[in-house]
Amino acid sequence: MNESSWGAPPGAGQWGPPEYGPASSLRGAAPTASAGPVHDWGDAAQTRPMPIVPEPGGHQDDDRDHREHRHIRDNRDHPDDRGAAPRSGPLFRDDQPQEPMPTSVPGSDRSPDSEKPKKKSAGRNLRAAIGVGAGLGAVILASLFVYKPVFIGVIAIAVVVGLWELTSRLAERKDIRVPLVPLAVGGTAMVVAGYVRGAEGAWVAMALTALAVLVWRMTEAPENYLRDVTAGVFAAFYVPFLATFVALMLAADDGPQRVLTFLLLTVVSDTGAYAVGWRFGKHKLAPRISPGKTREGLVGALLFAMVAGALCMEFLIKHGAWWQGLLLGLAVAASATLGDLGESMIKRDLGIKDMGTLLPGHGGIMDRLDSLLPTAPIVWLLFVVFVGAG
């Protein structure tokens, strides 16, 4: 019994405060003149029956009918009976003023502080993420506008590291043995061939890389051969072949501006999705694939990318128009989101959070390329349609 049951009508309450037990266990007599404090238990006797009101869940429920109208006998005959009321204090609980209920239950892990909403967390080391991102941006811009072949080298390094991360996770989590050497050599050849010989050169390098994976895997046991070479061809297409379209953009006369527009729109799309989703996100976009992504975040990605696309096409791309930038930003936001979800699907299948730990605050190289890789061919194609191959 607690204070929440205070306020019962007179005559139906218990004798004494709740911590001394129910009235059914009292054997002593109480004064009959008033419902005031009990001063002497031995000099008075009960002259009328006192109804017993059992407590819910208490021991009176078992024999309530038997003791409903039982008389309370003289306490002098049974001085040691349990539940005797104290010699002072109110007889009925009605005589005491009702007190407010406590805000927390003793012993409970809830408290007023625990009811306060918790602040949202970014989930990563933002300081490290910003520092690493700024460093990568400086390297990319320097190599992009100083000497184009240096930027081709940056793409090739990113491709090789991304292949290493992907094949390592496949071996660790799924025991899929993908030969890294032919992938790394073929991936580098794809990027260089795309820059030098265009799309035809990239396709030829892709075919030769797939053939090299099949032959290299023949040097090992035949068990799981089909599984391993299939994963190898997928890795060759997913990482180096898609990255080759960045080299195709760079080969144009205004290649640095095209690549910069491609990078800016992808980064702005990711930033808009994060900012709007973190602040306003309530409706999940794909909870089974990536629980952190929301529909509100997708709207933010679309708006941010379309505005950035209009500005870039108007001021960075020769013969570009702002309305083309709107379409370009729309396509980038959609492809970047799908690319992010695609890699999230791969990581969920592998049972990992990040592809690597090379970049503090970001994860691995593949965790940064997930949006860029599927976006590159779409941006290259739209540039060709809007302003030509250059």
Protein backbone atom coordinates (compact mmCIF):
# COMPACT_ATOMS: atom_id res chain seq x y z
CA MET A 1 0.00 0.00 0.00
CA ASN A 2 1.37 3.40 -0.89
CA GLU A 3 0.28 6.98 -0.66
CA SER A 4 -1.65 6.84 -3.88
CA SER A 5 -4.55 5.11 -2.07
CA TRP A 6 -5.02 7.90 0.43
CA GLY A 7 -8.42 9.47 0.63
CA ALA A 8 -10.72 6.46 1.38
CA PRO A 9 -14.05 7.38 3.13
CA PRO A 10 -14.13 7.23 6.96
CA GLY A 11 -14.94 3.84 8.40
CA ALA A 12 -13.55 1.99 5.40
CA GLY A 13 -9.90 2.66 5.99
CA GLN A 14 -7.18 0.80 7.84
CA TRP A 15 -6.16 1.25 11.45
CA GLY A 16 -2.87 3.12 11.69
CA PRO A 17 -0.44 4.06 8.97
CA PRO A 18 0.20 1.58 6.16
CA GLU A 19 3.58 0.40 7.36
CA TYR A 20 2.02 -1.41 10.35
CA GLY A 21 -0.02 -3.93 8.36
CA PRO A 22 -3.69 -4.36 7.51
CA ALA A 23 -6.52 -4.02 9.99
CA SER A 24 -7.37 -7.73 9.81
CA SER A 25 -4.29 -8.52 11.85
CA LEU A 26 -5.16 -6.21 14.75
CA ARG A 27 -6.25 -7.88 17.94
CA GLY A 28 -6.53 -4.81 20.21
CA ALA A 29 -9.45 -2.54 20.89
CA ALA A 30 -9.71 1.02 19.67
CA PRO A 31 -11.62 4.02 21.05
CA THR A 32 -15.15 4.36 19.83
CA ALA A 33 -15.73 8.03 20.52
CA SER A 34 -13.65 9.44 17.74
CA ALA A 35 -11.33 8.58 14.92
CA GLY A 36 -8.44 10.29 16.65
CA PRO A 37 -5.20 8.89 17.98
CA VAL A 38 -5.18 5.71 20.02
CA HIS A 39 -3.76 6.31 23.53
CA ASP A 40 -4.56 3.22 25.56
CA TRP A 41 -5.16 -0.14 24.04
CA GLY A 42 -5.89 -1.96 27.27
CA ASP A 43 -8.74 0.12 28.71
CA ALA A 44 -11.25 -0.01 25.89
CA ALA A 45 -13.01 -2.73 24.00
CA GLN A 46 -14.57 -2.79 20.59
CA THR A 47 -18.40 -2.68 20.81
CA ARG A 48 -19.27 -3.08 17.11
CA PRO A 49 -17.84 -5.00 14.19
CA MET A 50 -15.33 -3.25 11.99
CA PRO A 51 -15.46 -4.16 8.28
CA ILE A 52 -12.18 -5.14 6.76
CA VAL A 53 -11.10 -3.63 3.45
CA PRO A 54 -8.45 -5.85 1.95
CA GLU A 55 -5.59 -4.46 -0.03
CA PRO A 56 -5.32 -5.52 -3.67
CA GLY A 57 -2.86 -8.33 -4.03
CA GLY A 58 -2.50 -8.66 -0.23
CA HIS A 59 -2.95 -11.77 1.91
CA GLN A 60 -6.58 -10.84 2.76
CA ASP A 61 -7.75 -11.91 -0.70
CA ASP A 62 -7.45 -15.59 0.21
CA ASP A 63 -9.83 -15.49 3.20
CA ARG A 64 -11.74 -12.25 2.71
CA ASP A 65 -15.18 -13.82 3.08
CA HIS A 66 -14.17 -15.61 6.29
CA ARG A 67 -12.97 -12.46 8.04
CA GLU A 68 -15.34 -9.90 6.53
CA HIS A 69 -17.28 -9.28 9.77
CA ARG A 70 -14.93 -10.70 12.40
CA HIS A 71 -14.75 -8.85 15.78
CA ILE A 72 -11.46 -7.59 17.01
CA ARG A 73 -10.74 -9.17 20.35
CA ASP A 74 -9.12 -7.74 23.41
CA ASN A 75 -5.46 -7.03 22.81
CA ARG A 76 -4.61 -8.05 26.39
CA ASP A 77 -5.26 -11.70 25.55
CA HIS A 78 -2.86 -11.61 22.60
CA PRO A 79 -0.19 -8.99 23.27
CA ASP A 80 2.30 -10.40 20.72
CA ASP A 81 0.02 -10.56 17.68
CA ARG A 82 1.60 -9.06 14.61
CA GLY A 83 0.31 -5.88 13.00
CA ALA A 84 -0.59 -4.06 16.24
CA ALA A 85 -1.11 -0.37 15.74
CA PRO A 86 1.17 2.17 17.44
CA ARG A 87 0.05 3.99 20.58
CA SER A 88 0.02 7.32 18.78
CA GLY A 89 -0.90 8.55 15.36
CA PRO A 90 -4.14 8.89 13.39
CA LEU A 91 -6.69 6.11 13.50
CA PHE A 92 -7.87 6.64 9.94
CA ARG A 93 -5.82 7.83 7.04
CA ASP A 94 -8.44 10.44 6.21
CA ASP A 95 -7.28 12.46 9.19
CA GLN A 96 -3.97 13.19 7.50
CA PRO A 97 -3.61 15.77 4.71
CA GLN A 98 -3.04 14.24 1.31
CA GLU A 99 0.51 14.69 0.04
CA PRO A 100 1.59 14.90 -3.58
CA MET A 101 3.01 11.78 -5.17
CA PRO A 102 6.78 11.66 -5.63
CA THR A 103 8.09 12.29 -9.13
CA SER A 104 10.10 9.07 -9.11
CA VAL A 105 9.66 5.67 -7.54
CA PRO A 106 12.42 4.68 -5.07
CA GLY A 107 14.55 1.91 -6.47
CA SER A 108 13.48 2.65 -10.03
CA ASP A 109 16.06 3.47 -12.68
CA ARG A 110 13.87 6.29 -13.96
CA SER A 111 14.33 9.81 -12.71
CA PRO A 112 13.26 13.25 -13.90
CA ASP A 113 16.65 13.64 -15.58
CA SER A 114 16.23 10.41 -17.49
CA GLU A 115 12.97 11.66 -18.99
CA LYS A 116 14.76 14.53 -20.73
CA PRO A 117 15.28 13.98 -24.47
CA LYS A 118 18.82 13.09 -25.38
CA LYS A 119 20.74 15.14 -27.87
CA LYS A 120 21.36 13.64 -31.26
CA SER A 121 24.83 12.37 -31.94
CA ALA A 122 26.63 12.38 -35.23
CA GLY A 123 27.97 8.90 -34.55
CA ARG A 124 31.53 9.75 -35.73
CA ASN A 125 34.50 11.87 -34.71
CA LEU A 126 33.53 15.02 -36.57
CA ARG A 127 36.79 16.81 -35.83
CA ALA A 128 38.83 13.98 -37.35
CA ALA A 129 36.37 13.65 -40.24
CA ILE A 130 36.62 17.35 -41.10
CA GLY A 131 40.42 17.31 -40.85
CA VAL A 132 40.79 14.26 -43.08
CA GLY A 133 38.25 15.63 -45.56
CA ALA A 134 40.09 18.96 -45.76
CA GLY A 135 43.40 17.18 -46.34
CA LEU A 136 41.97 15.00 -49.11
CA GLY A 137 40.36 18.04 -50.71
CA ALA A 138 43.67 19.89 -50.77
CA VAL A 139 45.46 16.95 -52.43
CA ILE A 140 42.70 16.56 -55.02
CA LEU A 141 42.57 20.24 -55.94
CA ALA A 142 46.34 20.57 -56.14
CA SER A 143 46.72 17.55 -58.41
CA LEU A 144 43.64 18.43 -60.45
CA PHE A 145 44.62 21.95 -61.48
CA VAL A 146 48.40 21.70 -61.48
CA TYR A 147 49.05 18.67 -63.70
CA LYS A 148 46.38 16.29 -64.99
CA PRO A 149 48.50 13.09 -64.99
CA VAL A 150 49.11 13.55 -61.26
CA PHE A 151 45.38 13.38 -60.68
CA ILE A 152 45.27 10.18 -62.74
CA GLY A 153 47.78 8.79 -60.25
CA VAL A 154 45.53 9.84 -57.35
CA ILE A 155 42.62 7.97 -58.97
CA ALA A 156 44.76 4.87 -59.49
CA ILE A 157 45.93 4.87 -55.84
CA ALA A 158 42.34 5.21 -54.60
CA VAL A 159 41.31 2.32 -56.86
CA VAL A 160 44.06 0.00 -55.62
CA VAL A 161 43.38 0.77 -51.95
CA GLY A 162 39.65 0.33 -52.50
CA LEU A 163 40.21 -3.06 -54.14
CA TRP A 164 42.44 -4.13 -51.26
CA GLU A 165 39.75 -3.18 -48.72
CA LEU A 166 36.99 -4.94 -50.65
CA THR A 167 38.91 -8.18 -51.27
CA SER A 168 40.15 -8.26 -47.67
CA ARG A 169 36.62 -7.99 -46.28
CA LEU A 170 35.37 -10.66 -48.68
CA ALA A 171 38.09 -13.04 -47.50
CA GLU A 172 37.56 -12.28 -43.82
CA ARG A 173 33.78 -12.43 -43.70
CA LYS A 174 32.80 -14.79 -46.54
CA ASP A 175 36.01 -16.74 -47.22
CA ILE A 176 35.90 -15.54 -50.84
CA ARG A 177 39.42 -15.59 -52.27
CA VAL A 178 39.61 -12.89 -54.94
CA PRO A 179 43.07 -12.48 -56.56
CA LEU A 180 44.21 -8.96 -55.78
CA VAL A 181 47.26 -8.73 -58.06
CA PRO A 182 45.44 -8.97 -61.43
CA LEU A 183 42.73 -6.66 -60.09
CA ALA A 184 45.21 -4.00 -59.00
CA VAL A 185 47.19 -4.13 -62.25
CA GLY A 186 44.09 -4.27 -64.41
CA GLY A 187 42.37 -1.52 -62.43
CA THR A 188 45.30 0.85 -62.90
CA ALA A 189 45.39 -0.02 -66.61
CA MET A 190 41.67 0.79 -66.90
CA VAL A 191 42.10 4.27 -65.47
CA VAL A 192 45.11 5.09 -67.65
CA ALA A 193 43.50 3.61 -70.78
CA GLY A 194 40.33 5.60 -70.18
CA TYR A 195 42.29 8.86 -69.96
CA VAL A 196 44.49 8.11 -72.97
CA ARG A 197 42.22 6.11 -75.30
CA GLY A 198 38.74 7.04 -74.16
CA ALA A 199 35.81 4.70 -73.56
CA GLU A 200 37.08 2.04 -75.97
CA GLY A 201 40.35 1.76 -74.11
CA ALA A 202 38.51 1.42 -70.79
CA TRP A 203 36.32 -1.42 -72.11
CA VAL A 204 39.29 -3.31 -73.50
CA ALA A 205 41.16 -2.99 -70.21
CA MET A 206 38.09 -4.20 -68.35
CA ALA A 207 37.82 -7.32 -70.52
CA LEU A 208 41.51 -8.13 -70.12
CA THR A 209 41.26 -7.67 -66.35
CA ALA A 210 38.37 -10.13 -66.10
CA LEU A 211 40.33 -12.65 -68.18
CA ALA A 212 43.37 -12.19 -65.94
CA VAL A 213 41.26 -12.91 -62.85
CA LEU A 214 40.00 -16.17 -64.37
CA VAL A 215 43.51 -17.32 -65.30
CA TRP A 216 45.12 -16.27 -62.00
CA ARG A 217 42.56 -18.19 -59.97
CA MET A 218 43.39 -21.39 -61.92
CA THR A 219 46.68 -21.68 -60.02
CA GLU A 220 44.77 -22.68 -56.88
CA ALA A 221 42.42 -25.55 -55.97
CA PRO A 222 39.25 -25.82 -58.10
CA GLU A 223 36.91 -25.67 -55.10
CA ASN A 224 34.81 -22.48 -55.12
CA TYR A 225 36.44 -21.38 -58.41
CA LEU A 226 33.20 -20.02 -59.87
CA ARG A 227 32.37 -18.14 -56.67
CA ASP A 228 35.82 -16.50 -56.47
CA VAL A 229 36.08 -15.43 -60.11
CA THR A 230 32.52 -14.06 -60.06
CA ALA A 231 33.42 -11.92 -57.07
CA GLY A 232 36.62 -10.87 -58.86
CA VAL A 233 34.78 -9.69 -61.99
CA PHE A 234 32.30 -7.84 -59.79
CA ALA A 235 35.15 -6.09 -57.95
CA ALA A 236 36.78 -5.12 -61.28
CA PHE A 237 33.56 -3.54 -62.51
CA TYR A 238 32.52 -1.95 -59.20
CA VAL A 239 35.74 -0.13 -58.35
CA PRO A 240 38.17 0.54 -61.24
CA PHE A 241 35.78 0.50 -64.18
CA LEU A 242 33.36 3.00 -62.62
CA ALA A 243 36.30 5.15 -61.53
CA THR A 244 37.48 5.26 -65.14
CA PHE A 245 34.66 7.66 -65.98
CA VAL A 246 36.37 10.27 -63.80
CA ALA A 247 39.41 9.91 -66.06
CA LEU A 248 37.12 10.31 -69.10
CA MET A 249 35.81 13.59 -67.68
CA LEU A 250 39.35 14.78 -67.00
CA ALA A 251 40.38 14.14 -70.62
CA ALA A 252 38.12 16.99 -71.87
CA ASP A 253 39.53 20.47 -72.48
CA ASP A 254 37.73 21.77 -69.40
CA GLY A 255 38.32 18.46 -67.61
CA PRO A 256 39.36 19.93 -64.23
CA GLN A 257 36.17 21.98 -64.08
CA ARG A 258 34.05 18.94 -64.95
CA VAL A 259 35.73 16.78 -62.32
CA LEU A 260 35.41 19.57 -59.75
CA THR A 261 31.70 19.90 -60.53
CA PHE A 262 31.27 16.14 -60.17
CA LEU A 263 33.04 16.11 -56.80
CA LEU A 264 31.26 19.21 -55.48
CA LEU A 265 27.79 17.96 -56.37
CA THR A 266 28.39 14.56 -54.77
CA VAL A 267 29.79 16.08 -51.59
CA VAL A 268 27.01 18.69 -51.42
CA SER A 269 24.41 15.96 -51.90
CA ASP A 270 25.83 13.91 -49.05
CA THR A 271 26.10 17.00 -46.85
CA GLY A 272 22.53 18.08 -47.55
CA ALA A 273 21.23 14.59 -46.81
CA TYR A 274 23.15 14.49 -43.53
CA ALA A 275 22.23 18.00 -42.36
CA VAL A 276 18.52 17.84 -43.18
CA GLY A 277 18.15 14.23 -42.08
CA TRP A 278 19.92 14.84 -38.77
CA ARG A 279 17.77 17.88 -38.00
CA PHE A 280 14.37 16.95 -39.42
CA GLY A 281 14.56 13.25 -40.30
CA LYS A 282 11.65 11.17 -38.97
CA HIS A 283 10.60 8.81 -41.77
CA LYS A 284 13.05 6.04 -42.65
CA LEU A 285 14.08 5.75 -46.28
CA ALA A 286 15.33 2.15 -46.29
CA PRO A 287 15.36 0.87 -42.68
CA ARG A 288 16.39 -2.67 -43.61
CA ILE A 289 19.45 -1.44 -45.52
CA SER A 290 20.52 1.80 -43.83
CA PRO A 291 18.47 2.79 -40.75
CA GLY A 292 20.13 6.20 -40.54
CA LYS A 293 18.81 7.46 -43.87
CA THR A 294 15.50 9.28 -43.97
CA ARG A 295 13.15 10.60 -46.61
CA GLU A 296 13.69 14.10 -45.30
CA GLY A 297 17.42 13.60 -45.83
CA LEU A 298 16.80 12.57 -49.43
CA VAL A 299 14.81 15.76 -49.99
CA GLY A 300 17.71 17.73 -48.52
CA ALA A 301 20.15 15.97 -50.85
CA LEU A 302 17.99 16.79 -53.89
CA LEU A 303 17.60 20.47 -52.98
CA PHE A 304 21.24 21.04 -52.11
CA ALA A 305 22.53 19.23 -55.19
CA MET A 306 20.15 20.99 -57.59
CA VAL A 307 21.12 24.44 -56.31
CA ALA A 308 24.83 23.57 -56.46
CA GLY A 309 24.37 22.08 -59.94
CA ALA A 310 22.73 25.23 -61.27
CA LEU A 311 25.59 27.37 -59.91
CA CYS A 312 28.32 25.06 -61.22
CA MET A 313 26.88 24.76 -64.72
CA GLU A 314 26.40 28.51 -64.90
CA PHE A 315 29.83 29.59 -63.66
CA LEU A 316 32.23 26.62 -64.06
CA ILE A 317 31.23 24.79 -67.25
CA LYS A 318 31.67 26.48 -70.59
CA HIS A 319 28.43 26.69 -72.59
CA GLY A 320 26.53 25.32 -69.59
CA ALA A 321 23.07 26.54 -68.51
CA TRP A 322 21.52 26.77 -65.06
CA TRP A 323 18.57 24.52 -65.97
CA GLN A 324 21.02 21.83 -67.05
CA GLY A 325 22.57 22.15 -63.61
CA LEU A 326 19.20 21.47 -62.00
CA LEU A 327 18.87 18.21 -63.91
CA LEU A 328 22.49 17.33 -63.21
CA GLY A 329 22.03 17.93 -59.47
CA LEU A 330 18.86 15.85 -59.45
CA ALA A 331 20.66 12.94 -61.12
CA VAL A 332 23.66 13.21 -58.80
CA ALA A 333 21.52 13.17 -55.66
CA ALA A 334 19.64 10.09 -56.86
CA SER A 335 22.73 8.15 -57.95
CA ALA A 336 24.74 9.10 -54.86
CA THR A 337 21.94 7.89 -52.61
CA LEU A 338 21.62 4.62 -54.53
CA GLY A 339 25.38 4.14 -54.43
CA ASP A 340 25.44 4.69 -50.68
CA LEU A 341 22.59 2.21 -50.21
CA GLY A 342 24.34 -0.27 -52.50
CA GLU A 343 27.48 -0.35 -50.40
CA SER A 344 25.40 -0.44 -47.22
CA MET A 345 23.79 -3.57 -48.63
CA ILE A 346 27.23 -5.10 -49.20
CA LYS A 347 28.40 -4.20 -45.69
CA ARG A 348 25.24 -5.63 -44.13
CA ASP A 349 25.77 -8.86 -46.02
CA LEU A 350 29.35 -8.95 -44.74
CA GLY A 351 28.29 -7.97 -41.21
CA ILE A 352 30.58 -4.93 -40.94
CA LYS A 353 30.09 -1.23 -40.32
CA ASP A 354 32.99 0.17 -42.38
CA MET A 355 35.11 -1.25 -45.17
CA GLY A 356 38.30 -0.11 -43.45
CA THR A 357 39.92 2.19 -40.91
CA LEU A 358 42.38 4.04 -43.09
CA LEU A 359 40.61 7.41 -42.84
CA PRO A 360 39.82 8.50 -39.24
CA GLY A 361 36.25 9.70 -38.96
CA HIS A 362 35.34 8.28 -42.38
CA GLY A 363 36.18 4.59 -42.25
CA GLY A 364 37.98 3.28 -45.33
CA ILE A 365 38.54 4.51 -48.89
CA MET A 366 35.55 2.50 -50.07
CA ASP A 367 33.35 4.27 -47.52
CA ARG A 368 34.17 7.54 -49.34
CA LEU A 369 33.91 6.11 -52.85
CA ASP A 370 30.46 4.56 -52.36
CA SER A 371 28.63 7.67 -53.59
CA LEU A 372 31.26 8.73 -56.13
CA LEU A 373 31.65 5.50 -58.11
CA PRO A 374 28.06 5.07 -59.41
CA THR A 375 27.72 8.82 -59.92
CA ALA A 376 30.74 9.15 -62.21
CA PRO A 377 29.26 7.50 -65.36
CA ILE A 378 25.99 9.44 -64.98
CA VAL A 379 27.76 12.80 -64.71
CA TRP A 380 30.05 11.96 -67.64
CA LEU A 381 27.07 11.02 -69.80
CA LEU A 382 25.11 14.19 -68.93
CA PHE A 383 28.14 16.35 -69.68
CA VAL A 384 28.41 14.72 -73.12
CA VAL A 385 24.70 15.32 -73.75
CA PHE A 386 24.65 18.92 -72.49
CA VAL A 387 28.00 20.38 -73.65
CA GLY A 388 29.69 17.62 -75.66
CA ALA A 389 32.68 15.39 -75.01
CA GLY A 390 35.06 18.38 -75.04
